[in-house]
Every structure is written in structure tokens, then in C-alpha cells.
Amino acid sequence: MQEKLAQTSSTTTTIAFGKLRGLSLDIIFVLCEEGKAMRTIDIANVIGKPRKLVYEYLRRMARKGLVNCEQGLWLTLGSADKIFNLLKGQQKDNTKITKRQHQDNTKTTVRQINIDLWINQYNPSEAEEVVVNALVEHYNRTGQAGILLQNPYDYYEHGIHLSPEDFNKARISLQNEGIITWGKYKDKAAWKIALKKDFLMRLKEFEK
């Protein structure tokens, strides 16, 4: 890995990438994918981590010359941009998630559920309805309550056609209401958004 990175980037980038792990890489990905400076709280909301923790990581990254803060807004610097390009290149070569998703999509479930009664009773926002509807359709098609994502923005490719701002607001609200879960998947190679089992049971009860 280090040899490959050394061939495609500067020594500084190679060293920085080798030392970065987990949340630091997530922060770089979010800032670069957004393409604009962001507040700490907005970064934390996308990643799904506490604001204080994200802020501490941002401070460390600033000392390494990866990010900079101007008037409360964080943006990436040159080394971080190179790391982001390397991450994107790795994603194209990563077939693990694609294979798992294909296996999910070939499964079928006997029971079909819908969210009409839930919408009528709880009057969710339009964005919340989009998120839940996409997850329920996935469940009906595959029998799986969750969708695996290559990155926090991959949701759009799975029928959740919302802007990052609208998606994050809806996601946080649905998490607080105990309807969905969100976060890194077991092996840390993917993100996962899923309907909670209790909520699925409620939807099934509506149909009785």
C-alpha cells in the first residue's frame, strides 16, 4: 500500500495517509465531497459523531496541515485533497460492498409492507418520508432492513434523492424517533443505514 501511494503522491501525503485512521479519513472525505467549508456541527452531523469529538480531531488535523479553520468554517488543504483522491481511487477498486449488495438484491421476501398508515398517523416531513420509503422498498425487495453505503453520500444511489442538508436533518430526526440506525458497518469498510426492528414490527402491525 505504501509503495503504491508513494508512486501516486508526494512523500508528505504518503506519510500523512499512513498515520490517518477512521474518523480523520471520514472528516477529509466529508469536507472534500461537500466541496465547501463547513462548520464543526455540520461535519459531525454527516459523520454521526459527537461535535466535541469531531472538533478535537479537526484540531489535530490542523496541526498536521490537513485542514484550516477560517471564521468557524473548516476546509481542507493540499495534502488532504490528495488523500481524498487516493480514497476515491480505492473505492473504485473495492468490490466487497458491491458483492454484498448484489447478494442482498437477489434475495426476496414473502411479505410486502408499506408506509401509508404510518404517514397518516405520524405526519412525517417530506424528507423523512423519502428516507423511510426507500428503506422499506429495499426491505420489500431484498428482505434486508439496511442498506450498505460506500461512503456517507452514497445514499443517493439507493433511492434517497435528497440534498445532503435535507438528508442529514431527516436522518437525525428519524434516529431520535427510534425509526432508523446509522453509522459505520462492522468491518469499518462501509456505512449502513437501516430500519430498526421495532419500527418494522410497528409497520407490520399496521397491516393487521
N, C-alpha and C. Protein backbone atom coordinates (compact mmCIF):
# COMPACT_ATOMS: atom_id res chain seq x y z
N MET A 1 0.84 -1.21 0.00
CA MET A 1 0.00 0.00 0.00
C MET A 1 0.86 1.25 0.00
N GLN A 2 1.88 1.28 0.90
CA GLN A 2 2.73 2.46 0.98
C GLN A 2 3.48 2.70 -0.32
N GLU A 3 3.94 1.59 -0.97
CA GLU A 3 4.66 1.75 -2.22
C GLU A 3 3.76 2.34 -3.29
N LYS A 4 2.52 1.87 -3.33
CA LYS A 4 1.57 2.38 -4.32
C LYS A 4 1.30 3.85 -4.09
N LEU A 5 1.13 4.24 -2.83
CA LEU A 5 0.86 5.64 -2.52
C LEU A 5 2.05 6.50 -2.87
N ALA A 6 3.24 5.99 -2.63
CA ALA A 6 4.43 6.77 -2.91
C ALA A 6 4.56 7.06 -4.40
N GLN A 7 4.05 6.15 -5.22
CA GLN A 7 4.15 6.35 -6.66
C GLN A 7 3.15 7.37 -7.17
N THR A 8 2.06 7.58 -6.41
CA THR A 8 0.99 8.44 -6.92
C THR A 8 0.87 9.76 -6.19
N SER A 9 1.69 9.99 -5.17
CA SER A 9 1.59 11.23 -4.42
C SER A 9 2.93 11.57 -3.81
N SER A 10 2.99 12.72 -3.16
CA SER A 10 4.23 13.16 -2.55
C SER A 10 4.53 12.36 -1.30
N THR A 11 5.78 12.45 -0.82
CA THR A 11 6.17 11.76 0.41
C THR A 11 5.35 12.25 1.58
N THR A 12 5.08 13.56 1.62
CA THR A 12 4.28 14.12 2.71
C THR A 12 2.91 13.49 2.77
N THR A 13 2.27 13.34 1.61
CA THR A 13 0.95 12.74 1.56
C THR A 13 1.00 11.29 1.99
N THR A 14 2.05 10.55 1.56
CA THR A 14 2.18 9.14 1.91
C THR A 14 2.28 8.98 3.42
N ILE A 15 3.11 9.80 4.05
CA ILE A 15 3.28 9.71 5.50
C ILE A 15 1.98 10.06 6.20
N ALA A 16 1.33 11.13 5.75
CA ALA A 16 0.09 11.55 6.39
C ALA A 16 -0.98 10.48 6.28
N PHE A 17 -1.09 9.89 5.09
CA PHE A 17 -2.11 8.86 4.87
C PHE A 17 -1.83 7.64 5.75
N GLY A 18 -0.57 7.29 5.89
CA GLY A 18 -0.22 6.12 6.70
C GLY A 18 -0.57 6.29 8.15
N LYS A 19 -0.58 7.54 8.64
CA LYS A 19 -0.86 7.79 10.05
C LYS A 19 -2.33 8.06 10.31
N LEU A 20 -3.09 8.35 9.28
CA LEU A 20 -4.50 8.67 9.47
C LEU A 20 -5.34 7.41 9.58
N ARG A 21 -6.34 7.48 10.43
CA ARG A 21 -7.23 6.35 10.63
C ARG A 21 -8.66 6.85 10.81
N GLY A 22 -9.61 5.97 10.57
CA GLY A 22 -11.00 6.16 10.95
C GLY A 22 -11.59 7.54 10.77
N LEU A 23 -11.81 8.22 11.89
CA LEU A 23 -12.54 9.48 11.89
C LEU A 23 -11.82 10.56 11.09
N SER A 24 -10.50 10.60 11.13
CA SER A 24 -9.76 11.60 10.36
C SER A 24 -10.04 11.45 8.87
N LEU A 25 -10.04 10.21 8.39
CA LEU A 25 -10.33 9.97 6.98
C LEU A 25 -11.78 10.31 6.65
N ASP A 26 -12.68 10.03 7.59
CA ASP A 26 -14.09 10.37 7.37
C ASP A 26 -14.26 11.88 7.23
N ILE A 27 -13.55 12.63 8.06
CA ILE A 27 -13.64 14.10 8.01
C ILE A 27 -13.13 14.62 6.68
N ILE A 28 -12.00 14.10 6.23
CA ILE A 28 -11.44 14.51 4.94
C ILE A 28 -12.44 14.21 3.82
N PHE A 29 -13.02 13.02 3.88
CA PHE A 29 -13.96 12.63 2.82
C PHE A 29 -15.16 13.57 2.80
N VAL A 30 -15.71 13.88 3.96
CA VAL A 30 -16.89 14.75 4.03
C VAL A 30 -16.57 16.15 3.50
N LEU A 31 -15.47 16.73 3.95
CA LEU A 31 -15.12 18.08 3.52
C LEU A 31 -14.87 18.15 2.01
N CYS A 32 -14.17 17.16 1.49
CA CYS A 32 -13.87 17.16 0.06
C CYS A 32 -15.11 16.87 -0.78
N GLU A 33 -15.95 15.96 -0.30
CA GLU A 33 -17.16 15.62 -1.05
C GLU A 33 -18.13 16.79 -1.08
N GLU A 34 -18.21 17.54 0.02
CA GLU A 34 -19.08 18.72 0.05
C GLU A 34 -18.54 19.81 -0.87
N GLY A 35 -17.21 19.92 -0.94
CA GLY A 35 -16.60 20.92 -1.81
C GLY A 35 -16.72 22.34 -1.30
N LYS A 36 -16.93 22.49 0.00
CA LYS A 36 -17.04 23.82 0.58
C LYS A 36 -16.63 23.76 2.04
N ALA A 37 -16.35 24.92 2.63
CA ALA A 37 -16.02 24.98 4.05
C ALA A 37 -17.26 24.65 4.88
N MET A 38 -17.05 23.97 6.01
CA MET A 38 -18.18 23.52 6.82
C MET A 38 -17.94 23.82 8.30
N ARG A 39 -19.04 23.98 9.03
CA ARG A 39 -18.97 24.12 10.48
C ARG A 39 -18.72 22.76 11.12
N THR A 40 -18.17 22.80 12.32
CA THR A 40 -17.90 21.55 13.04
C THR A 40 -19.18 20.74 13.22
N ILE A 41 -20.26 21.39 13.60
CA ILE A 41 -21.51 20.68 13.87
C ILE A 41 -22.05 20.01 12.62
N ASP A 42 -21.87 20.65 11.46
CA ASP A 42 -22.36 20.06 10.21
C ASP A 42 -21.54 18.83 9.82
N ILE A 43 -20.23 18.90 10.05
CA ILE A 43 -19.38 17.73 9.79
C ILE A 43 -19.79 16.58 10.71
N ALA A 44 -20.00 16.91 11.98
CA ALA A 44 -20.39 15.90 12.97
C ALA A 44 -21.72 15.25 12.60
N ASN A 45 -22.66 16.04 12.10
CA ASN A 45 -23.97 15.50 11.73
C ASN A 45 -23.87 14.52 10.57
N VAL A 46 -23.03 14.84 9.59
CA VAL A 46 -22.87 13.93 8.45
C VAL A 46 -22.25 12.61 8.89
N ILE A 47 -21.22 12.70 9.72
CA ILE A 47 -20.49 11.51 10.14
C ILE A 47 -21.26 10.72 11.20
N GLY A 48 -22.08 11.43 11.98
CA GLY A 48 -22.82 10.76 13.04
C GLY A 48 -22.02 10.60 14.32
N LYS A 49 -21.11 11.55 14.57
CA LYS A 49 -20.29 11.52 15.78
C LYS A 49 -20.52 12.80 16.59
N PRO A 50 -20.22 12.78 17.90
CA PRO A 50 -20.40 13.98 18.73
C PRO A 50 -19.57 15.16 18.22
N ARG A 51 -20.13 16.35 18.32
CA ARG A 51 -19.44 17.55 17.84
C ARG A 51 -18.10 17.75 18.54
N LYS A 52 -18.06 17.52 19.84
CA LYS A 52 -16.82 17.73 20.60
C LYS A 52 -15.71 16.81 20.11
N LEU A 53 -16.06 15.56 19.83
CA LEU A 53 -15.06 14.60 19.34
C LEU A 53 -14.54 15.02 17.97
N VAL A 54 -15.44 15.41 17.09
CA VAL A 54 -15.05 15.84 15.74
C VAL A 54 -14.15 17.08 15.82
N TYR A 55 -14.48 17.99 16.73
CA TYR A 55 -13.67 19.21 16.89
C TYR A 55 -12.25 18.87 17.31
N GLU A 56 -12.09 17.91 18.24
CA GLU A 56 -10.76 17.52 18.68
C GLU A 56 -9.95 16.94 17.53
N TYR A 57 -10.59 16.14 16.70
CA TYR A 57 -9.90 15.58 15.53
C TYR A 57 -9.52 16.67 14.55
N LEU A 58 -10.41 17.63 14.35
CA LEU A 58 -10.11 18.73 13.44
C LEU A 58 -8.90 19.53 13.91
N ARG A 59 -8.79 19.75 15.21
CA ARG A 59 -7.65 20.47 15.76
C ARG A 59 -6.35 19.71 15.50
N ARG A 60 -6.38 18.40 15.70
CA ARG A 60 -5.19 17.59 15.44
C ARG A 60 -4.82 17.64 13.96
N MET A 61 -5.83 17.55 13.12
CA MET A 61 -5.58 17.58 11.68
C MET A 61 -5.05 18.94 11.24
N ALA A 62 -5.49 20.00 11.90
CA ALA A 62 -4.99 21.34 11.58
C ALA A 62 -3.50 21.44 11.90
N ARG A 63 -3.09 20.82 13.00
CA ARG A 63 -1.67 20.84 13.38
C ARG A 63 -0.82 20.07 12.37
N LYS A 64 -1.44 19.11 11.68
CA LYS A 64 -0.72 18.33 10.67
C LYS A 64 -0.77 19.00 9.29
N GLY A 65 -1.47 20.12 9.20
CA GLY A 65 -1.54 20.83 7.94
C GLY A 65 -2.53 20.25 6.95
N LEU A 66 -3.52 19.50 7.46
CA LEU A 66 -4.51 18.87 6.59
C LEU A 66 -5.76 19.74 6.41
N VAL A 67 -6.11 20.49 7.44
CA VAL A 67 -7.29 21.36 7.38
C VAL A 67 -6.96 22.71 7.98
N ASN A 68 -7.83 23.67 7.71
CA ASN A 68 -7.67 25.00 8.28
C ASN A 68 -9.04 25.55 8.63
N CYS A 69 -9.09 26.39 9.66
CA CYS A 69 -10.37 26.97 10.09
C CYS A 69 -10.34 28.48 9.89
N GLU A 70 -11.34 28.99 9.20
CA GLU A 70 -11.48 30.42 8.98
C GLU A 70 -12.89 30.85 9.37
N GLN A 71 -12.98 31.68 10.39
CA GLN A 71 -14.26 32.20 10.87
C GLN A 71 -15.25 31.08 11.18
N GLY A 72 -14.73 30.04 11.84
CA GLY A 72 -15.59 28.94 12.27
C GLY A 72 -15.90 27.92 11.21
N LEU A 73 -15.32 28.07 10.01
CA LEU A 73 -15.57 27.13 8.92
C LEU A 73 -14.29 26.38 8.58
N TRP A 74 -14.40 25.06 8.48
CA TRP A 74 -13.25 24.21 8.19
C TRP A 74 -13.16 23.88 6.71
N LEU A 75 -11.94 23.86 6.18
CA LEU A 75 -11.72 23.47 4.80
C LEU A 75 -10.42 22.68 4.72
N THR A 76 -10.31 21.85 3.68
CA THR A 76 -9.12 21.02 3.52
C THR A 76 -8.00 21.81 2.86
N LEU A 77 -6.77 21.35 3.11
CA LEU A 77 -5.60 21.91 2.45
C LEU A 77 -5.07 20.89 1.44
N GLY A 78 -3.97 21.21 0.78
CA GLY A 78 -3.48 20.41 -0.34
C GLY A 78 -3.28 18.94 -0.04
N SER A 79 -2.63 18.61 1.09
CA SER A 79 -2.35 17.21 1.41
C SER A 79 -3.63 16.41 1.58
N ALA A 80 -4.62 17.02 2.23
CA ALA A 80 -5.89 16.33 2.44
C ALA A 80 -6.60 16.06 1.11
N ASP A 81 -6.50 17.01 0.19
CA ASP A 81 -7.13 16.82 -1.12
C ASP A 81 -6.51 15.64 -1.86
N LYS A 82 -5.19 15.48 -1.74
CA LYS A 82 -4.52 14.34 -2.38
C LYS A 82 -4.97 13.03 -1.74
N ILE A 83 -5.10 13.04 -0.42
CA ILE A 83 -5.55 11.84 0.29
C ILE A 83 -6.96 11.48 -0.15
N PHE A 84 -7.81 12.49 -0.32
CA PHE A 84 -9.18 12.25 -0.77
C PHE A 84 -9.19 11.56 -2.14
N ASN A 85 -8.34 12.02 -3.05
CA ASN A 85 -8.27 11.41 -4.37
C ASN A 85 -7.83 9.96 -4.29
N LEU A 86 -6.92 9.66 -3.36
CA LEU A 86 -6.49 8.28 -3.16
C LEU A 86 -7.63 7.43 -2.62
N LEU A 87 -8.40 7.99 -1.70
CA LEU A 87 -9.54 7.26 -1.14
C LEU A 87 -10.57 6.95 -2.22
N LYS A 88 -10.82 7.92 -3.08
CA LYS A 88 -11.78 7.70 -4.17
C LYS A 88 -11.29 6.61 -5.10
N GLY A 89 -9.98 6.59 -5.35
CA GLY A 89 -9.42 5.56 -6.21
C GLY A 89 -9.57 4.18 -5.60
N GLN A 90 -9.39 4.10 -4.28
CA GLN A 90 -9.54 2.82 -3.60
C GLN A 90 -10.99 2.33 -3.67
N GLN A 91 -11.93 3.25 -3.58
CA GLN A 91 -13.34 2.86 -3.62
C GLN A 91 -13.70 2.21 -4.95
N LYS A 92 -13.12 2.70 -6.03
CA LYS A 92 -13.42 2.13 -7.34
C LYS A 92 -12.95 0.69 -7.43
N ASP A 93 -11.88 0.38 -6.69
CA ASP A 93 -11.34 -0.98 -6.72
C ASP A 93 -11.97 -1.90 -5.69
N ASN A 94 -12.82 -1.33 -4.84
CA ASN A 94 -13.39 -2.10 -3.74
C ASN A 94 -14.67 -2.80 -4.19
N THR A 95 -14.60 -4.11 -4.37
CA THR A 95 -15.77 -4.85 -4.83
C THR A 95 -16.51 -5.55 -3.69
N LYS A 96 -15.99 -5.40 -2.50
CA LYS A 96 -16.59 -6.11 -1.36
C LYS A 96 -18.02 -5.68 -1.12
N ILE A 97 -18.25 -4.37 -1.08
CA ILE A 97 -19.60 -3.87 -0.81
C ILE A 97 -20.53 -4.21 -1.97
N THR A 98 -20.02 -4.04 -3.20
CA THR A 98 -20.84 -4.34 -4.37
C THR A 98 -21.29 -5.79 -4.37
N LYS A 99 -20.39 -6.69 -4.01
CA LYS A 99 -20.73 -8.11 -3.97
C LYS A 99 -21.79 -8.39 -2.91
N ARG A 100 -21.61 -7.79 -1.73
CA ARG A 100 -22.58 -7.99 -0.65
C ARG A 100 -23.94 -7.42 -1.04
N GLN A 101 -23.93 -6.23 -1.68
CA GLN A 101 -25.19 -5.62 -2.08
C GLN A 101 -25.89 -6.46 -3.14
N HIS A 102 -25.11 -7.05 -4.05
CA HIS A 102 -25.70 -7.91 -5.07
C HIS A 102 -26.37 -9.11 -4.44
N GLN A 103 -25.75 -9.69 -3.42
CA GLN A 103 -26.35 -10.82 -2.72
C GLN A 103 -27.66 -10.41 -2.07
N ASP A 104 -27.68 -9.21 -1.48
CA ASP A 104 -28.91 -8.71 -0.86
C ASP A 104 -30.01 -8.54 -1.90
N ASN A 105 -29.65 -7.99 -3.06
CA ASN A 105 -30.65 -7.66 -4.07
C ASN A 105 -31.23 -8.90 -4.75
N THR A 106 -30.56 -10.05 -4.63
CA THR A 106 -31.08 -11.26 -5.25
C THR A 106 -32.01 -12.02 -4.31
N LYS A 107 -32.09 -11.58 -3.06
CA LYS A 107 -33.00 -12.22 -2.12
C LYS A 107 -34.40 -11.66 -2.30
N THR A 108 -35.39 -12.43 -1.91
CA THR A 108 -36.76 -11.96 -1.96
C THR A 108 -37.42 -12.17 -0.61
N THR A 109 -38.43 -11.40 -0.34
CA THR A 109 -39.18 -11.55 0.90
C THR A 109 -40.63 -11.81 0.56
N VAL A 110 -41.28 -12.67 1.35
CA VAL A 110 -42.65 -13.06 1.07
C VAL A 110 -43.61 -11.92 1.36
N ARG A 111 -43.36 -11.19 2.44
CA ARG A 111 -44.31 -10.18 2.86
C ARG A 111 -43.94 -8.79 2.34
N GLN A 112 -44.91 -8.08 1.86
CA GLN A 112 -44.71 -6.71 1.39
C GLN A 112 -45.39 -5.76 2.37
N ILE A 113 -44.67 -4.74 2.80
CA ILE A 113 -45.25 -3.76 3.71
C ILE A 113 -45.18 -2.38 3.07
N ASN A 114 -46.03 -1.46 3.53
CA ASN A 114 -46.00 -0.10 3.03
C ASN A 114 -46.07 0.86 4.21
N ILE A 115 -45.91 2.14 3.92
CA ILE A 115 -45.81 3.13 4.99
C ILE A 115 -47.00 4.08 5.01
N ASP A 116 -48.05 3.77 4.27
CA ASP A 116 -49.18 4.70 4.17
C ASP A 116 -49.81 5.01 5.53
N LEU A 117 -50.06 3.97 6.33
CA LEU A 117 -50.68 4.19 7.63
C LEU A 117 -49.76 4.96 8.57
N TRP A 118 -48.47 4.67 8.48
CA TRP A 118 -47.50 5.42 9.30
C TRP A 118 -47.51 6.90 8.93
N ILE A 119 -47.56 7.19 7.64
CA ILE A 119 -47.60 8.58 7.18
C ILE A 119 -48.86 9.27 7.69
N ASN A 120 -50.00 8.58 7.59
CA ASN A 120 -51.26 9.18 8.02
C ASN A 120 -51.29 9.46 9.52
N GLN A 121 -50.69 8.57 10.31
CA GLN A 121 -50.75 8.72 11.76
C GLN A 121 -49.70 9.67 12.32
N TYR A 122 -48.50 9.68 11.72
CA TYR A 122 -47.39 10.43 12.31
C TYR A 122 -47.00 11.68 11.53
N ASN A 123 -47.53 11.85 10.33
CA ASN A 123 -47.29 13.06 9.54
C ASN A 123 -45.81 13.45 9.49
N PRO A 124 -44.95 12.57 8.97
CA PRO A 124 -43.51 12.89 8.89
C PRO A 124 -43.25 13.98 7.86
N SER A 125 -42.07 14.57 7.91
CA SER A 125 -41.69 15.55 6.90
C SER A 125 -41.50 14.84 5.57
N GLU A 126 -41.47 15.62 4.50
CA GLU A 126 -41.29 15.03 3.17
C GLU A 126 -39.97 14.29 3.07
N ALA A 127 -38.91 14.88 3.64
CA ALA A 127 -37.59 14.24 3.59
C ALA A 127 -37.58 12.94 4.39
N GLU A 128 -38.22 12.94 5.56
CA GLU A 128 -38.30 11.72 6.37
C GLU A 128 -39.04 10.63 5.62
N GLU A 129 -40.09 11.02 4.92
CA GLU A 129 -40.86 10.06 4.14
C GLU A 129 -40.02 9.44 3.02
N VAL A 130 -39.19 10.26 2.38
CA VAL A 130 -38.32 9.77 1.31
C VAL A 130 -37.35 8.72 1.85
N VAL A 131 -36.75 9.00 3.00
CA VAL A 131 -35.77 8.07 3.59
C VAL A 131 -36.44 6.75 3.96
N VAL A 132 -37.56 6.84 4.68
CA VAL A 132 -38.24 5.62 5.14
C VAL A 132 -38.77 4.83 3.95
N ASN A 133 -39.33 5.51 2.97
CA ASN A 133 -39.87 4.82 1.81
C ASN A 133 -38.78 4.05 1.06
N ALA A 134 -37.61 4.66 0.90
CA ALA A 134 -36.51 3.97 0.21
C ALA A 134 -36.07 2.73 0.98
N LEU A 135 -36.01 2.84 2.31
CA LEU A 135 -35.59 1.70 3.13
C LEU A 135 -36.64 0.59 3.11
N VAL A 136 -37.92 0.97 3.15
CA VAL A 136 -38.99 -0.04 3.11
C VAL A 136 -39.01 -0.73 1.75
N GLU A 137 -38.84 0.03 0.68
CA GLU A 137 -38.79 -0.59 -0.65
C GLU A 137 -37.63 -1.57 -0.75
N HIS A 138 -36.49 -1.20 -0.17
CA HIS A 138 -35.34 -2.10 -0.15
C HIS A 138 -35.66 -3.36 0.65
N TYR A 139 -36.34 -3.19 1.77
CA TYR A 139 -36.73 -4.34 2.60
C TYR A 139 -37.69 -5.25 1.84
N ASN A 140 -38.67 -4.67 1.17
CA ASN A 140 -39.62 -5.46 0.40
C ASN A 140 -38.95 -6.24 -0.73
N ARG A 141 -37.94 -5.62 -1.31
CA ARG A 141 -37.26 -6.24 -2.46
C ARG A 141 -36.24 -7.29 -2.04
N THR A 142 -35.56 -7.07 -0.91
CA THR A 142 -34.43 -7.93 -0.54
C THR A 142 -34.61 -8.70 0.77
N GLY A 143 -35.53 -8.23 1.61
CA GLY A 143 -35.66 -8.84 2.92
C GLY A 143 -34.64 -8.32 3.92
N GLN A 144 -33.86 -7.32 3.52
CA GLN A 144 -32.83 -6.73 4.37
C GLN A 144 -33.30 -5.37 4.89
N ALA A 145 -33.16 -5.15 6.19
CA ALA A 145 -33.63 -3.90 6.79
C ALA A 145 -32.68 -2.74 6.54
N GLY A 146 -31.44 -3.03 6.14
CA GLY A 146 -30.46 -1.98 5.96
C GLY A 146 -29.83 -1.95 4.58
N ILE A 147 -29.23 -0.80 4.27
CA ILE A 147 -28.51 -0.61 3.01
C ILE A 147 -27.07 -0.27 3.33
N LEU A 148 -26.13 -0.96 2.68
CA LEU A 148 -24.71 -0.67 2.86
C LEU A 148 -24.28 0.40 1.87
N LEU A 149 -23.52 1.37 2.37
CA LEU A 149 -23.08 2.50 1.56
C LEU A 149 -21.56 2.55 1.53
N GLN A 150 -21.00 2.92 0.39
CA GLN A 150 -19.55 3.04 0.29
C GLN A 150 -19.03 4.26 1.04
N ASN A 151 -19.86 5.28 1.17
CA ASN A 151 -19.48 6.50 1.89
C ASN A 151 -20.76 7.18 2.35
N PRO A 152 -20.67 8.20 3.21
CA PRO A 152 -21.88 8.83 3.76
C PRO A 152 -22.79 9.48 2.72
N TYR A 153 -22.30 9.65 1.49
CA TYR A 153 -23.09 10.31 0.45
C TYR A 153 -23.66 9.32 -0.57
N ASP A 154 -23.39 8.05 -0.38
CA ASP A 154 -23.81 7.03 -1.34
C ASP A 154 -25.31 6.75 -1.27
N TYR A 155 -26.00 7.34 -0.29
CA TYR A 155 -27.43 7.10 -0.12
C TYR A 155 -28.23 7.49 -1.37
N TYR A 156 -27.75 8.50 -2.10
CA TYR A 156 -28.49 8.99 -3.27
C TYR A 156 -28.64 7.90 -4.33
N GLU A 157 -27.65 7.02 -4.41
CA GLU A 157 -27.69 5.94 -5.40
C GLU A 157 -28.68 4.85 -5.03
N HIS A 158 -29.26 4.94 -3.84
CA HIS A 158 -30.17 3.90 -3.37
C HIS A 158 -31.59 4.44 -3.19
N GLY A 159 -31.94 5.44 -3.98
CA GLY A 159 -33.31 5.92 -3.99
C GLY A 159 -33.63 7.01 -2.99
N ILE A 160 -32.64 7.45 -2.21
CA ILE A 160 -32.88 8.53 -1.25
C ILE A 160 -32.43 9.83 -1.92
N HIS A 161 -33.30 10.40 -2.72
CA HIS A 161 -32.93 11.54 -3.55
C HIS A 161 -33.15 12.85 -2.80
N LEU A 162 -32.20 13.14 -1.92
CA LEU A 162 -32.26 14.35 -1.10
C LEU A 162 -30.90 15.04 -1.13
N SER A 163 -30.91 16.34 -0.88
CA SER A 163 -29.65 17.06 -0.72
C SER A 163 -29.01 16.61 0.58
N PRO A 164 -27.68 16.76 0.73
CA PRO A 164 -27.03 16.38 1.99
C PRO A 164 -27.66 17.05 3.20
N GLU A 165 -28.03 18.32 3.08
CA GLU A 165 -28.63 19.03 4.21
C GLU A 165 -29.97 18.42 4.59
N ASP A 166 -30.84 18.18 3.60
CA ASP A 166 -32.15 17.60 3.89
C ASP A 166 -32.02 16.17 4.40
N PHE A 167 -31.08 15.42 3.82
CA PHE A 167 -30.89 14.04 4.27
C PHE A 167 -30.45 14.00 5.73
N ASN A 168 -29.49 14.84 6.09
CA ASN A 168 -28.97 14.81 7.46
C ASN A 168 -30.03 15.24 8.47
N LYS A 169 -30.84 16.23 8.12
CA LYS A 169 -31.92 16.64 9.02
C LYS A 169 -32.92 15.50 9.22
N ALA A 170 -33.29 14.86 8.11
CA ALA A 170 -34.25 13.75 8.20
C ALA A 170 -33.64 12.58 8.96
N ARG A 171 -32.38 12.27 8.68
CA ARG A 171 -31.73 11.14 9.34
C ARG A 171 -31.66 11.33 10.84
N ILE A 172 -31.25 12.52 11.27
CA ILE A 172 -31.14 12.79 12.71
C ILE A 172 -32.50 12.69 13.38
N SER A 173 -33.52 13.25 12.73
CA SER A 173 -34.87 13.19 13.29
C SER A 173 -35.36 11.75 13.40
N LEU A 174 -35.13 10.95 12.36
CA LEU A 174 -35.57 9.56 12.36
C LEU A 174 -34.80 8.73 13.38
N GLN A 175 -33.53 9.05 13.57
CA GLN A 175 -32.75 8.38 14.61
C GLN A 175 -33.32 8.70 15.99
N ASN A 176 -33.61 9.96 16.22
CA ASN A 176 -34.14 10.38 17.52
C ASN A 176 -35.50 9.76 17.80
N GLU A 177 -36.26 9.49 16.73
CA GLU A 177 -37.58 8.89 16.89
C GLU A 177 -37.53 7.37 16.98
N GLY A 178 -36.33 6.80 16.90
CA GLY A 178 -36.19 5.36 17.00
C GLY A 178 -36.65 4.60 15.78
N ILE A 179 -36.55 5.23 14.61
CA ILE A 179 -37.02 4.61 13.37
C ILE A 179 -35.89 3.98 12.58
N ILE A 180 -34.72 4.63 12.56
CA ILE A 180 -33.58 4.11 11.80
C ILE A 180 -32.32 4.11 12.65
N THR A 181 -31.32 3.38 12.16
CA THR A 181 -29.97 3.43 12.71
C THR A 181 -29.03 3.90 11.61
N TRP A 182 -27.88 4.44 12.01
CA TRP A 182 -26.92 4.99 11.05
C TRP A 182 -25.53 4.91 11.64
N GLY A 183 -24.55 4.51 10.83
CA GLY A 183 -23.18 4.50 11.32
C GLY A 183 -22.29 3.58 10.51
N LYS A 184 -21.03 3.48 10.95
CA LYS A 184 -20.07 2.61 10.28
C LYS A 184 -20.51 1.15 10.45
N TYR A 185 -20.29 0.35 9.41
CA TYR A 185 -20.64 -1.06 9.47
C TYR A 185 -19.56 -1.83 10.22
N LYS A 186 -19.81 -3.09 10.51
CA LYS A 186 -18.96 -3.90 11.38
C LYS A 186 -17.48 -3.84 11.02
N ASP A 187 -17.16 -4.07 9.75
CA ASP A 187 -15.76 -4.14 9.35
C ASP A 187 -15.17 -2.78 9.00
N LYS A 188 -15.95 -1.70 9.23
CA LYS A 188 -15.50 -0.33 9.01
C LYS A 188 -15.25 0.00 7.54
N ALA A 189 -15.56 -0.93 6.63
CA ALA A 189 -15.33 -0.67 5.21
C ALA A 189 -16.54 -0.02 4.56
N ALA A 190 -17.60 0.16 5.32
CA ALA A 190 -18.83 0.70 4.74
C ALA A 190 -19.63 1.42 5.82
N TRP A 191 -20.62 2.17 5.36
CA TRP A 191 -21.61 2.77 6.24
C TRP A 191 -22.91 2.00 6.07
N LYS A 192 -23.78 2.10 7.06
CA LYS A 192 -25.06 1.40 6.96
C LYS A 192 -26.18 2.26 7.51
N ILE A 193 -27.26 2.34 6.74
CA ILE A 193 -28.49 2.98 7.21
C ILE A 193 -29.55 1.89 7.19
N ALA A 194 -30.31 1.78 8.29
CA ALA A 194 -31.23 0.65 8.40
C ALA A 194 -32.47 1.02 9.20
N LEU A 195 -33.56 0.33 8.90
CA LEU A 195 -34.77 0.44 9.70
C LEU A 195 -34.57 -0.35 10.99
N LYS A 196 -35.01 0.20 12.11
CA LYS A 196 -34.91 -0.52 13.37
C LYS A 196 -35.96 -1.63 13.41
N LYS A 197 -35.62 -2.72 14.08
CA LYS A 197 -36.52 -3.87 14.14
C LYS A 197 -37.87 -3.49 14.75
N ASP A 198 -37.85 -2.68 15.80
CA ASP A 198 -39.10 -2.28 16.45
C ASP A 198 -40.01 -1.52 15.48
N PHE A 199 -39.41 -0.67 14.65
CA PHE A 199 -40.21 0.10 13.70
C PHE A 199 -40.79 -0.82 12.63
N LEU A 200 -40.01 -1.78 12.16
CA LEU A 200 -40.53 -2.74 11.19
C LEU A 200 -41.71 -3.51 11.77
N MET A 201 -41.60 -3.88 13.03
CA MET A 201 -42.70 -4.59 13.68
C MET A 201 -43.95 -3.71 13.74
N ARG A 202 -43.76 -2.42 14.00
CA ARG A 202 -44.90 -1.49 14.04
C ARG A 202 -45.56 -1.40 12.67
N LEU A 203 -44.75 -1.33 11.61
CA LEU A 203 -45.32 -1.26 10.26
C LEU A 203 -46.13 -2.52 9.94
N LYS A 204 -45.62 -3.65 10.37
CA LYS A 204 -46.34 -4.90 10.12
C LYS A 204 -47.63 -4.96 10.92
N GLU A 205 -47.61 -4.40 12.14
CA GLU A 205 -48.82 -4.37 12.96
C GLU A 205 -49.89 -3.50 12.32
N PHE A 206 -49.48 -2.43 11.64
CA PHE A 206 -50.44 -1.54 10.98
C PHE A 206 -51.29 -2.30 9.96
N GLU A 207 -50.70 -3.33 9.36
CA GLU A 207 -51.38 -4.03 8.27
C GLU A 207 -52.38 -5.07 8.76
N LYS A 208 -52.35 -5.38 10.05
CA LYS A 208 -53.25 -6.41 10.57
C LYS A 208 -54.66 -5.86 10.74
